[in-house]
Amino acid sequence: RIQAHDAHLAHYAYDAVRAIPDVTVYGPARGRTGLVSFNV
């Protein structure tokens, strides 16, 4: 359940951060665990 929760948040964050103009999110959209790397 912890892993599923982390994966859900990482996917949610990936989509939300990526939707910001001029933000680059690194790594694949799926198969994520609890982190998102990006640059503005």
PDB file of all heavy atoms in Angstrom:
ATOM      1  N   ARG A   1       0.840  -1.209   0.000  1.00  0.00           N
ATOM      2  CA  ARG A   1       0.000   0.000   0.000  1.00  0.00           C
ATOM      3  C   ARG A   1       0.872   1.254   0.000  1.00  0.00           C
ATOM      4  O   ARG A   1       0.532   2.252  -0.644  1.00  0.00           O
ATOM      5  CB  ARG A   1      -0.940   0.002   1.199  1.00  0.00           C
ATOM      6  CG  ARG A   1      -2.069  -1.015   1.035  1.00  0.00           C
ATOM      7  CD  ARG A   1      -3.071  -0.958   2.149  1.00  0.00           C
ATOM      8  NE  ARG A   1      -3.775   0.325   2.123  1.00  0.00           N
ATOM      9  CZ  ARG A   1      -4.451   0.818   3.159  1.00  0.00           C
ATOM     10  NH1 ARG A   1      -4.524   0.135   4.283  1.00  0.00           N
ATOM     11  NH2 ARG A   1      -5.071   1.966   3.062  1.00  0.00           N
ATOM     12  N   ILE A   2       1.982   1.214   0.725  1.00  0.00           N
ATOM     13  CA  ILE A   2       2.898   2.363   0.739  1.00  0.00           C
ATOM     14  C   ILE A   2       3.468   2.582  -0.659  1.00  0.00           C
ATOM     15  O   ILE A   2       3.493   3.710  -1.165  1.00  0.00           O
ATOM     16  CB  ILE A   2       4.017   2.165   1.779  1.00  0.00           C
ATOM     17  CG1 ILE A   2       3.420   2.222   3.190  1.00  0.00           C
ATOM     18  CG2 ILE A   2       5.120   3.205   1.595  1.00  0.00           C
ATOM     19  CD1 ILE A   2       4.390   1.841   4.286  1.00  0.00           C
ATOM     20  N   GLN A   3       3.901   1.506  -1.302  1.00  0.00           N
ATOM     21  CA  GLN A   3       4.447   1.623  -2.653  1.00  0.00           C
ATOM     22  C   GLN A   3       3.395   2.147  -3.623  1.00  0.00           C
ATOM     23  O   GLN A   3       3.683   3.010  -4.452  1.00  0.00           O
ATOM     24  CB  GLN A   3       4.993   0.264  -3.123  1.00  0.00           C
ATOM     25  CG  GLN A   3       5.808   0.323  -4.412  1.00  0.00           C
ATOM     26  CD  GLN A   3       4.966   0.350  -5.676  1.00  0.00           C
ATOM     27  OE1 GLN A   3       3.866  -0.201  -5.730  1.00  0.00           O
ATOM     28  NE2 GLN A   3       5.476   1.011  -6.692  1.00  0.00           N
ATOM     29  N   ALA A   4       2.181   1.673  -3.517  1.00  0.00           N
ATOM     30  CA  ALA A   4       1.106   2.140  -4.394  1.00  0.00           C
ATOM     31  C   ALA A   4       0.819   3.624  -4.152  1.00  0.00           C
ATOM     32  O   ALA A   4       0.597   4.383  -5.109  1.00  0.00           O
ATOM     33  CB  ALA A   4      -0.154   1.303  -4.175  1.00  0.00           C
ATOM     34  N   HIS A   5       0.827   4.033  -2.901  1.00  0.00           N
ATOM     35  CA  HIS A   5       0.609   5.439  -2.552  1.00  0.00           C
ATOM     36  C   HIS A   5       1.717   6.307  -3.150  1.00  0.00           C
ATOM     37  O   HIS A   5       1.441   7.342  -3.777  1.00  0.00           O
ATOM     38  CB  HIS A   5       0.557   5.587  -1.029  1.00  0.00           C
ATOM     39  CG  HIS A   5       0.470   6.998  -0.559  1.00  0.00           C
ATOM     40  ND1 HIS A   5      -0.702   7.721  -0.598  1.00  0.00           N
ATOM     41  CD2 HIS A   5       1.408   7.821  -0.035  1.00  0.00           C
ATOM     42  CE1 HIS A   5      -0.478   8.934  -0.123  1.00  0.00           C
ATOM     43  NE2 HIS A   5       0.788   9.029   0.223  1.00  0.00           N
ATOM     44  N   ASP A   6       2.977   5.891  -2.962  1.00  0.00           N
ATOM     45  CA  ASP A   6       4.108   6.638  -3.509  1.00  0.00           C
ATOM     46  C   ASP A   6       4.027   6.742  -5.023  1.00  0.00           C
ATOM     47  O   ASP A   6       4.254   7.810  -5.597  1.00  0.00           O
ATOM     48  CB  ASP A   6       5.431   5.971  -3.132  1.00  0.00           C
ATOM     49  CG  ASP A   6       5.734   6.037  -1.657  1.00  0.00           C
ATOM     50  OD1 ASP A   6       5.014   6.741  -0.923  1.00  0.00           O
ATOM     51  OD2 ASP A   6       6.703   5.369  -1.237  1.00  0.00           O
ATOM     52  N   ALA A   7       3.706   5.629  -5.677  1.00  0.00           N
ATOM     53  CA  ALA A   7       3.604   5.625  -7.133  1.00  0.00           C
ATOM     54  C   ALA A   7       2.478   6.546  -7.606  1.00  0.00           C
ATOM     55  O   ALA A   7       2.639   7.289  -8.579  1.00  0.00           O
ATOM     56  CB  ALA A   7       3.388   4.203  -7.645  1.00  0.00           C
ATOM     57  N   HIS A   8       1.348   6.508  -6.911  1.00  0.00           N
ATOM     58  CA  HIS A   8       0.236   7.393  -7.271  1.00  0.00           C
ATOM     59  C   HIS A   8       0.664   8.856  -7.187  1.00  0.00           C
ATOM     60  O   HIS A   8       0.415   9.638  -8.116  1.00  0.00           O
ATOM     61  CB  HIS A   8      -0.969   7.146  -6.365  1.00  0.00           C
ATOM     62  CG  HIS A   8      -2.004   8.212  -6.480  1.00  0.00           C
ATOM     63  ND1 HIS A   8      -2.838   8.321  -7.576  1.00  0.00           N
ATOM     64  CD2 HIS A   8      -2.314   9.240  -5.651  1.00  0.00           C
ATOM     65  CE1 HIS A   8      -3.621   9.385  -7.412  1.00  0.00           C
ATOM     66  NE2 HIS A   8      -3.324   9.953  -6.258  1.00  0.00           N
ATOM     67  N   LEU A   9       1.303   9.238  -6.091  1.00  0.00           N
ATOM     68  CA  LEU A   9       1.734  10.635  -5.936  1.00  0.00           C
ATOM     69  C   LEU A   9       2.772  11.016  -6.979  1.00  0.00           C
ATOM     70  O   LEU A   9       2.742  12.136  -7.505  1.00  0.00           O
ATOM     71  CB  LEU A   9       2.281  10.883  -4.534  1.00  0.00           C
ATOM     72  CG  LEU A   9       1.248  11.017  -3.439  1.00  0.00           C
ATOM     73  CD1 LEU A   9       1.929  11.288  -2.097  1.00  0.00           C
ATOM     74  CD2 LEU A   9       0.237  12.107  -3.744  1.00  0.00           C
ATOM     75  N   ALA A  10       3.691  10.117  -7.278  1.00  0.00           N
ATOM     76  CA  ALA A  10       4.707  10.414  -8.290  1.00  0.00           C
ATOM     77  C   ALA A  10       4.064  10.622  -9.657  1.00  0.00           C
ATOM     78  O   ALA A  10       4.432  11.557 -10.379  1.00  0.00           O
ATOM     79  CB  ALA A  10       5.746   9.302  -8.338  1.00  0.00           C
ATOM     80  N   HIS A  11       3.095   9.799 -10.013  1.00  0.00           N
ATOM     81  CA  HIS A  11       2.402   9.980 -11.291  1.00  0.00           C
ATOM     82  C   HIS A  11       1.587  11.278 -11.294  1.00  0.00           C
ATOM     83  O   HIS A  11       1.573  12.014 -12.282  1.00  0.00           O
ATOM     84  CB  HIS A  11       1.488   8.788 -11.585  1.00  0.00           C
ATOM     85  CG  HIS A  11       2.245   7.549 -11.904  1.00  0.00           C
ATOM     86  ND1 HIS A  11       2.173   6.425 -11.136  1.00  0.00           N
ATOM     87  CD2 HIS A  11       3.108   7.260 -12.910  1.00  0.00           C
ATOM     88  CE1 HIS A  11       2.955   5.498 -11.648  1.00  0.00           C
ATOM     89  NE2 HIS A  11       3.542   5.976 -12.716  1.00  0.00           N
ATOM     90  N   TYR A  12       0.932  11.538 -10.180  1.00  0.00           N
ATOM     91  CA  TYR A  12       0.147  12.770 -10.046  1.00  0.00           C
ATOM     92  C   TYR A  12       1.063  13.985 -10.188  1.00  0.00           C
ATOM     93  O   TYR A  12       0.762  14.935 -10.911  1.00  0.00           O
ATOM     94  CB  TYR A  12      -0.567  12.766  -8.695  1.00  0.00           C
ATOM     95  CG  TYR A  12      -1.472  13.942  -8.452  1.00  0.00           C
ATOM     96  CD1 TYR A  12      -2.725  14.013  -9.048  1.00  0.00           C
ATOM     97  CD2 TYR A  12      -1.088  14.975  -7.606  1.00  0.00           C
ATOM     98  CE1 TYR A  12      -3.560  15.093  -8.827  1.00  0.00           C
ATOM     99  CE2 TYR A  12      -1.917  16.056  -7.369  1.00  0.00           C
ATOM    100  CZ  TYR A  12      -3.156  16.120  -7.982  1.00  0.00           C
ATOM    101  OH  TYR A  12      -3.977  17.191  -7.759  1.00  0.00           O
ATOM    102  N   ALA A  13       2.207  13.947  -9.505  1.00  0.00           N
ATOM    103  CA  ALA A  13       3.168  15.057  -9.567  1.00  0.00           C
ATOM    104  C   ALA A  13       3.764  15.187 -10.965  1.00  0.00           C
ATOM    105  O   ALA A  13       3.921  16.307 -11.476  1.00  0.00           O
ATOM    106  CB  ALA A  13       4.267  14.855  -8.530  1.00  0.00           C
ATOM    107  N   TYR A  14       4.107  14.064 -11.582  1.00  0.00           N
ATOM    108  CA  TYR A  14       4.665  14.088 -12.933  1.00  0.00           C
ATOM    109  C   TYR A  14       3.719  14.846 -13.868  1.00  0.00           C
ATOM    110  O   TYR A  14       4.132  15.765 -14.576  1.00  0.00           O
ATOM    111  CB  TYR A  14       4.890  12.667 -13.430  1.00  0.00           C
ATOM    112  CG  TYR A  14       5.417  12.580 -14.844  1.00  0.00           C
ATOM    113  CD1 TYR A  14       6.785  12.527 -15.081  1.00  0.00           C
ATOM    114  CD2 TYR A  14       4.555  12.540 -15.937  1.00  0.00           C
ATOM    115  CE1 TYR A  14       7.278  12.444 -16.377  1.00  0.00           C
ATOM    116  CE2 TYR A  14       5.035  12.457 -17.230  1.00  0.00           C
ATOM    117  CZ  TYR A  14       6.397  12.405 -17.448  1.00  0.00           C
ATOM    118  OH  TYR A  14       6.873  12.332 -18.735  1.00  0.00           O
ATOM    119  N   ASP A  15       2.450  14.472 -13.857  1.00  0.00           N
ATOM    120  CA  ASP A  15       1.473  15.114 -14.736  1.00  0.00           C
ATOM    121  C   ASP A  15       1.268  16.581 -14.380  1.00  0.00           C
ATOM    122  O   ASP A  15       1.188  17.434 -15.263  1.00  0.00           O
ATOM    123  CB  ASP A  15       0.142  14.371 -14.686  1.00  0.00           C
ATOM    124  CG  ASP A  15       0.211  12.979 -15.307  1.00  0.00           C
ATOM    125  OD1 ASP A  15       1.127  12.716 -16.122  1.00  0.00           O
ATOM    126  OD2 ASP A  15      -0.651  12.143 -14.962  1.00  0.00           O
ATOM    127  N   ALA A  16       1.200  16.888 -13.095  1.00  0.00           N
ATOM    128  CA  ALA A  16       0.928  18.260 -12.658  1.00  0.00           C
ATOM    129  C   ALA A  16       2.103  19.193 -12.941  1.00  0.00           C
ATOM    130  O   ALA A  16       1.916  20.316 -13.428  1.00  0.00           O
ATOM    131  CB  ALA A  16       0.589  18.277 -11.164  1.00  0.00           C
ATOM    132  N   VAL A  17       3.312  18.752 -12.649  1.00  0.00           N
ATOM    133  CA  VAL A  17       4.494  19.588 -12.875  1.00  0.00           C
ATOM    134  C   VAL A  17       4.758  19.739 -14.371  1.00  0.00           C
ATOM    135  O   VAL A  17       5.092  20.819 -14.850  1.00  0.00           O
ATOM    136  CB  VAL A  17       5.715  19.007 -12.122  1.00  0.00           C
ATOM    137  CG1 VAL A  17       7.003  19.732 -12.495  1.00  0.00           C
ATOM    138  CG2 VAL A  17       5.492  19.076 -10.607  1.00  0.00           C
ATOM    139  N   ARG A  18       4.579  18.661 -15.096  1.00  0.00           N
ATOM    140  CA  ARG A  18       4.811  18.684 -16.541  1.00  0.00           C
ATOM    141  C   ARG A  18       3.847  19.633 -17.260  1.00  0.00           C
ATOM    142  O   ARG A  18       4.172  20.158 -18.318  1.00  0.00           O
ATOM    143  CB  ARG A  18       4.658  17.271 -17.083  1.00  0.00           C
ATOM    144  CG  ARG A  18       5.094  17.115 -18.500  1.00  0.00           C
ATOM    145  CD  ARG A  18       5.175  15.628 -18.844  1.00  0.00           C
ATOM    146  NE  ARG A  18       5.464  15.481 -20.241  1.00  0.00           N
ATOM    147  CZ  ARG A  18       4.631  14.962 -21.127  1.00  0.00           C
ATOM    148  NH1 ARG A  18       3.465  14.487 -20.739  1.00  0.00           N
ATOM    149  NH2 ARG A  18       4.967  14.879 -22.382  1.00  0.00           N
ATOM    150  N   ALA A  19       2.683  19.863 -16.688  1.00  0.00           N
ATOM    151  CA  ALA A  19       1.690  20.750 -17.307  1.00  0.00           C
ATOM    152  C   ALA A  19       2.056  22.224 -17.178  1.00  0.00           C
ATOM    153  O   ALA A  19       1.443  23.072 -17.835  1.00  0.00           O
ATOM    154  CB  ALA A  19       0.319  20.491 -16.683  1.00  0.00           C
ATOM    155  N   ILE A  20       3.037  22.550 -16.354  1.00  0.00           N
ATOM    156  CA  ILE A  20       3.466  23.937 -16.193  1.00  0.00           C
ATOM    157  C   ILE A  20       4.315  24.319 -17.406  1.00  0.00           C
ATOM    158  O   ILE A  20       5.283  23.626 -17.725  1.00  0.00           O
ATOM    159  CB  ILE A  20       4.283  24.122 -14.895  1.00  0.00           C
ATOM    160  CG1 ILE A  20       3.474  23.693 -13.676  1.00  0.00           C
ATOM    161  CG2 ILE A  20       4.762  25.563 -14.761  1.00  0.00           C
ATOM    162  CD1 ILE A  20       4.292  23.617 -12.392  1.00  0.00           C
ATOM    163  N   PRO A  21       3.987  25.425 -18.075  1.00  0.00           N
ATOM    164  CA  PRO A  21       4.789  25.836 -19.229  1.00  0.00           C
ATOM    165  C   PRO A  21       6.259  26.042 -18.849  1.00  0.00           C
ATOM    166  O   PRO A  21       6.569  26.527 -17.758  1.00  0.00           O
ATOM    167  CB  PRO A  21       4.147  27.161 -19.656  1.00  0.00           C
ATOM    168  CG  PRO A  21       2.744  27.081 -19.138  1.00  0.00           C
ATOM    169  CD  PRO A  21       2.837  26.305 -17.848  1.00  0.00           C
ATOM    170  N   ASP A  22       7.152  25.666 -19.750  1.00  0.00           N
ATOM    171  CA  ASP A  22       8.605  25.824 -19.592  1.00  0.00           C
ATOM    172  C   ASP A  22       9.197  24.968 -18.477  1.00  0.00           C
ATOM    173  O   ASP A  22      10.266  25.297 -17.958  1.00  0.00           O
ATOM    174  CB  ASP A  22       8.994  27.290 -19.378  1.00  0.00           C
ATOM    175  CG  ASP A  22       8.636  28.165 -20.565  1.00  0.00           C
ATOM    176  OD1 ASP A  22       8.774  27.682 -21.710  1.00  0.00           O
ATOM    177  OD2 ASP A  22       8.218  29.313 -20.357  1.00  0.00           O
ATOM    178  N   VAL A  23       8.519  23.907 -18.097  1.00  0.00           N
ATOM    179  CA  VAL A  23       9.072  22.970 -17.120  1.00  0.00           C
ATOM    180  C   VAL A  23       9.395  21.670 -17.842  1.00  0.00           C
ATOM    181  O   VAL A  23       8.575  21.160 -18.608  1.00  0.00           O
ATOM    182  CB  VAL A  23       8.100  22.713 -15.950  1.00  0.00           C
ATOM    183  CG1 VAL A  23       8.594  21.584 -15.065  1.00  0.00           C
ATOM    184  CG2 VAL A  23       7.927  23.981 -15.125  1.00  0.00           C
ATOM    185  N   THR A  24      10.587  21.159 -17.599  1.00  0.00           N
ATOM    186  CA  THR A  24      11.009  19.879 -18.144  1.00  0.00           C
ATOM    187  C   THR A  24      11.036  18.867 -17.012  1.00  0.00           C
ATOM    188  O   THR A  24      11.684  19.101 -15.989  1.00  0.00           O
ATOM    189  CB  THR A  24      12.417  19.990 -18.764  1.00  0.00           C
ATOM    190  OG1 THR A  24      12.398  20.976 -19.782  1.00  0.00           O
ATOM    191  CG2 THR A  24      12.866  18.650 -19.337  1.00  0.00           C
ATOM    192  N   VAL A  25      10.328  17.769 -17.189  1.00  0.00           N
ATOM    193  CA  VAL A  25      10.335  16.685 -16.218  1.00  0.00           C
ATOM    194  C   VAL A  25      11.165  15.556 -16.814  1.00  0.00           C
ATOM    195  O   VAL A  25      11.006  15.213 -17.985  1.00  0.00           O
ATOM    196  CB  VAL A  25       8.906  16.200 -15.889  1.00  0.00           C
ATOM    197  CG1 VAL A  25       8.937  15.052 -14.901  1.00  0.00           C
ATOM    198  CG2 VAL A  25       8.072  17.348 -15.336  1.00  0.00           C
ATOM    199  N   TYR A  26      12.050  14.987 -16.012  1.00  0.00           N
ATOM    200  CA  TYR A  26      12.962  13.958 -16.497  1.00  0.00           C
ATOM    201  C   TYR A  26      12.468  12.572 -16.105  1.00  0.00           C
ATOM    202  O   TYR A  26      11.911  12.383 -15.039  1.00  0.00           O
ATOM    203  CB  TYR A  26      14.376  14.204 -15.932  1.00  0.00           C
ATOM    204  CG  TYR A  26      14.892  15.553 -16.352  1.00  0.00           C
ATOM    205  CD1 TYR A  26      14.796  16.645 -15.507  1.00  0.00           C
ATOM    206  CD2 TYR A  26      15.434  15.737 -17.626  1.00  0.00           C
ATOM    207  CE1 TYR A  26      15.247  17.897 -15.900  1.00  0.00           C
ATOM    208  CE2 TYR A  26      15.881  16.986 -18.030  1.00  0.00           C
ATOM    209  CZ  TYR A  26      15.780  18.060 -17.164  1.00  0.00           C
ATOM    210  OH  TYR A  26      16.217  19.295 -17.569  1.00  0.00           O
ATOM    211  N   GLY A  27      12.702  11.632 -17.000  1.00  0.00           N
ATOM    212  CA  GLY A  27      12.331  10.248 -16.737  1.00  0.00           C
ATOM    213  C   GLY A  27      11.014   9.894 -17.388  1.00  0.00           C
ATOM    214  O   GLY A  27      10.275  10.751 -17.878  1.00  0.00           O
ATOM    215  N   PRO A  28      10.713   8.604 -17.385  1.00  0.00           N
ATOM    216  CA  PRO A  28       9.489   8.121 -18.032  1.00  0.00           C
ATOM    217  C   PRO A  28       8.240   8.491 -17.241  1.00  0.00           C
ATOM    218  O   PRO A  28       8.296   8.693 -16.029  1.00  0.00           O
ATOM    219  CB  PRO A  28       9.686   6.602 -18.061  1.00  0.00           C
ATOM    220  CG  PRO A  28      10.576   6.324 -16.898  1.00  0.00           C
ATOM    221  CD  PRO A  28      11.490   7.518 -16.788  1.00  0.00           C
ATOM    222  N   ALA A  29       7.129   8.550 -17.944  1.00  0.00           N
ATOM    223  CA  ALA A  29       5.858   8.894 -17.298  1.00  0.00           C
ATOM    224  C   ALA A  29       5.371   7.772 -16.395  1.00  0.00           C
ATOM    225  O   ALA A  29       4.797   8.020 -15.337  1.00  0.00           O
ATOM    226  CB  ALA A  29       4.795   9.196 -18.356  1.00  0.00           C
ATOM    227  N   ARG A  30       5.588   6.552 -16.773  1.00  0.00           N
ATOM    228  CA  ARG A  30       5.071   5.419 -16.001  1.00  0.00           C
ATOM    229  C   ARG A  30       6.212   4.653 -15.355  1.00  0.00           C
ATOM    230  O   ARG A  30       7.367   4.806 -15.723  1.00  0.00           O
ATOM    231  CB  ARG A  30       4.243   4.502 -16.891  1.00  0.00           C
ATOM    232  CG  ARG A  30       3.030   5.210 -17.474  1.00  0.00           C
ATOM    233  CD  ARG A  30       2.061   5.641 -16.374  1.00  0.00           C
ATOM    234  NE  ARG A  30       1.149   6.667 -16.844  1.00  0.00           N
ATOM    235  CZ  ARG A  30       0.821   7.735 -16.136  1.00  0.00           C
ATOM    236  NH1 ARG A  30       1.309   7.935 -14.947  1.00  0.00           N
ATOM    237  NH2 ARG A  30      -0.019   8.616 -16.621  1.00  0.00           N
ATOM    238  N   GLY A  31       5.869   3.842 -14.391  1.00  0.00           N
ATOM    239  CA  GLY A  31       6.872   3.061 -13.689  1.00  0.00           C
ATOM    240  C   GLY A  31       7.610   3.851 -12.630  1.00  0.00           C
ATOM    241  O   GLY A  31       8.684   3.473 -12.187  1.00  0.00           O
ATOM    242  N   ARG A  32       7.046   4.962 -12.216  1.00  0.00           N
ATOM    243  CA  ARG A  32       7.688   5.825 -11.236  1.00  0.00           C
ATOM    244  C   ARG A  32       7.457   5.330  -9.821  1.00  0.00           C
ATOM    245  O   ARG A  32       6.437   4.755  -9.517  1.00  0.00           O
ATOM    246  CB  ARG A  32       7.120   7.247 -11.325  1.00  0.00           C
ATOM    247  CG  ARG A  32       7.473   7.923 -12.599  1.00  0.00           C
ATOM    248  CD  ARG A  32       7.040   9.375 -12.596  1.00  0.00           C
ATOM    249  NE  ARG A  32       7.795  10.039 -13.632  1.00  0.00           N
ATOM    250  CZ  ARG A  32       8.996  10.552 -13.459  1.00  0.00           C
ATOM    251  NH1 ARG A  32       9.565  10.555 -12.310  1.00  0.00           N
ATOM    252  NH2 ARG A  32       9.643  11.093 -14.468  1.00  0.00           N
ATOM    253  N   THR A  33       8.421   5.641  -8.991  1.00  0.00           N
ATOM    254  CA  THR A  33       8.221   5.513  -7.554  1.00  0.00           C
ATOM    255  C   THR A  33       8.166   6.920  -7.005  1.00  0.00           C
ATOM    256  O   THR A  33       7.922   7.851  -7.750  1.00  0.00           O
ATOM    257  CB  THR A  33       9.331   4.661  -6.906  1.00  0.00           C
ATOM    258  OG1 THR A  33      10.596   5.210  -7.245  1.00  0.00           O
ATOM    259  CG2 THR A  33       9.260   3.223  -7.376  1.00  0.00           C
ATOM    260  N   GLY A  34       8.429   7.143  -5.750  1.00  0.00           N
ATOM    261  CA  GLY A  34       8.102   8.393  -5.094  1.00  0.00           C
ATOM    262  C   GLY A  34       8.944   9.610  -5.370  1.00  0.00           C
ATOM    263  O   GLY A  34       9.221  10.367  -4.442  1.00  0.00           O
ATOM    264  N   LEU A  35       9.347   9.879  -6.609  1.00  0.00           N
ATOM    265  CA  LEU A  35      10.073  11.123  -6.869  1.00  0.00           C
ATOM    266  C   LEU A  35       9.861  11.609  -8.292  1.00  0.00           C
ATOM    267  O   LEU A  35       9.532  10.837  -9.180  1.00  0.00           O
ATOM    268  CB  LEU A  35      11.560  10.993  -6.553  1.00  0.00           C
ATOM    269  CG  LEU A  35      12.399  10.008  -7.349  1.00  0.00           C
ATOM    270  CD1 LEU A  35      12.962  10.648  -8.595  1.00  0.00           C
ATOM    271  CD2 LEU A  35      13.521   9.517  -6.460  1.00  0.00           C
ATOM    272  N   VAL A  36      10.080  12.923  -8.443  1.00  0.00           N
ATOM    273  CA  VAL A  36       9.987  13.575  -9.745  1.00  0.00           C
ATOM    274  C   VAL A  36      11.119  14.587  -9.824  1.00  0.00           C
ATOM    275  O   VAL A  36      11.271  15.434  -8.934  1.00  0.00           O
ATOM    276  CB  VAL A  36       8.625  14.282  -9.926  1.00  0.00           C
ATOM    277  CG1 VAL A  36       8.592  15.063 -11.222  1.00  0.00           C
ATOM    278  CG2 VAL A  36       7.487  13.278  -9.885  1.00  0.00           C
ATOM    279  N   SER A  37      11.923  14.493 -10.882  1.00  0.00           N
ATOM    280  CA  SER A  37      13.013  15.445 -11.114  1.00  0.00           C
ATOM    281  C   SER A  37      12.625  16.359 -12.264  1.00  0.00           C
ATOM    282  O   SER A  37      12.071  15.902 -13.275  1.00  0.00           O
ATOM    283  CB  SER A  37      14.307  14.711 -11.455  1.00  0.00           C
ATOM    284  OG  SER A  37      14.749  13.960 -10.351  1.00  0.00           O
ATOM    285  N   PHE A  38      12.951  17.640 -12.115  1.00  0.00           N
ATOM    286  CA  PHE A  38      12.520  18.598 -13.129  1.00  0.00           C
ATOM    287  C   PHE A  38      13.405  19.835 -13.103  1.00  0.00           C
ATOM    288  O   PHE A  38      14.189  20.047 -12.178  1.00  0.00           O
ATOM    289  CB  PHE A  38      11.059  19.010 -12.894  1.00  0.00           C
ATOM    290  CG  PHE A  38      10.808  19.660 -11.556  1.00  0.00           C
ATOM    291  CD1 PHE A  38      10.875  21.035 -11.409  1.00  0.00           C
ATOM    292  CD2 PHE A  38      10.505  18.895 -10.444  1.00  0.00           C
ATOM    293  CE1 PHE A  38      10.638  21.636 -10.184  1.00  0.00           C
ATOM    294  CE2 PHE A  38      10.274  19.478  -9.210  1.00  0.00           C
ATOM    295  CZ  PHE A  38      10.335  20.857  -9.083  1.00  0.00           C
ATOM    296  N   ASN A  39      13.260  20.651 -14.134  1.00  0.00           N
ATOM    297  CA  ASN A  39      13.851  21.988 -14.207  1.00  0.00           C
ATOM    298  C   ASN A  39      12.813  22.955 -14.715  1.00  0.00           C
ATOM    299  O   ASN A  39      11.911  22.571 -15.467  1.00  0.00           O
ATOM    300  CB  ASN A  39      15.071  22.013 -15.138  1.00  0.00           C
ATOM    301  CG  ASN A  39      16.340  21.607 -14.439  1.00  0.00           C
ATOM    302  OD1 ASN A  39      16.566  21.998 -13.296  1.00  0.00           O
ATOM    303  ND2 ASN A  39      17.167  20.816 -15.105  1.00  0.00           N
ATOM    304  N   VAL A  40      12.961  24.185 -14.284  1.00  0.00           N
ATOM    305  CA  VAL A  40      12.096  25.266 -14.739  1.00  0.00           C
ATOM    306  C   VAL A  40      12.933  26.117 -15.678  1.00  0.00           C
ATOM    307  O   VAL A  40      13.981  26.637 -15.267  1.00  0.00           O
ATOM    308  CB  VAL A  40      11.564  26.102 -13.553  1.00  0.00           C
ATOM    309  CG1 VAL A  40      10.670  27.217 -14.058  1.00  0.00           C
ATOM    310  CG2 VAL A  40      10.828  25.210 -12.565  1.00  0.00           C
TER     311      VAL A  40
END
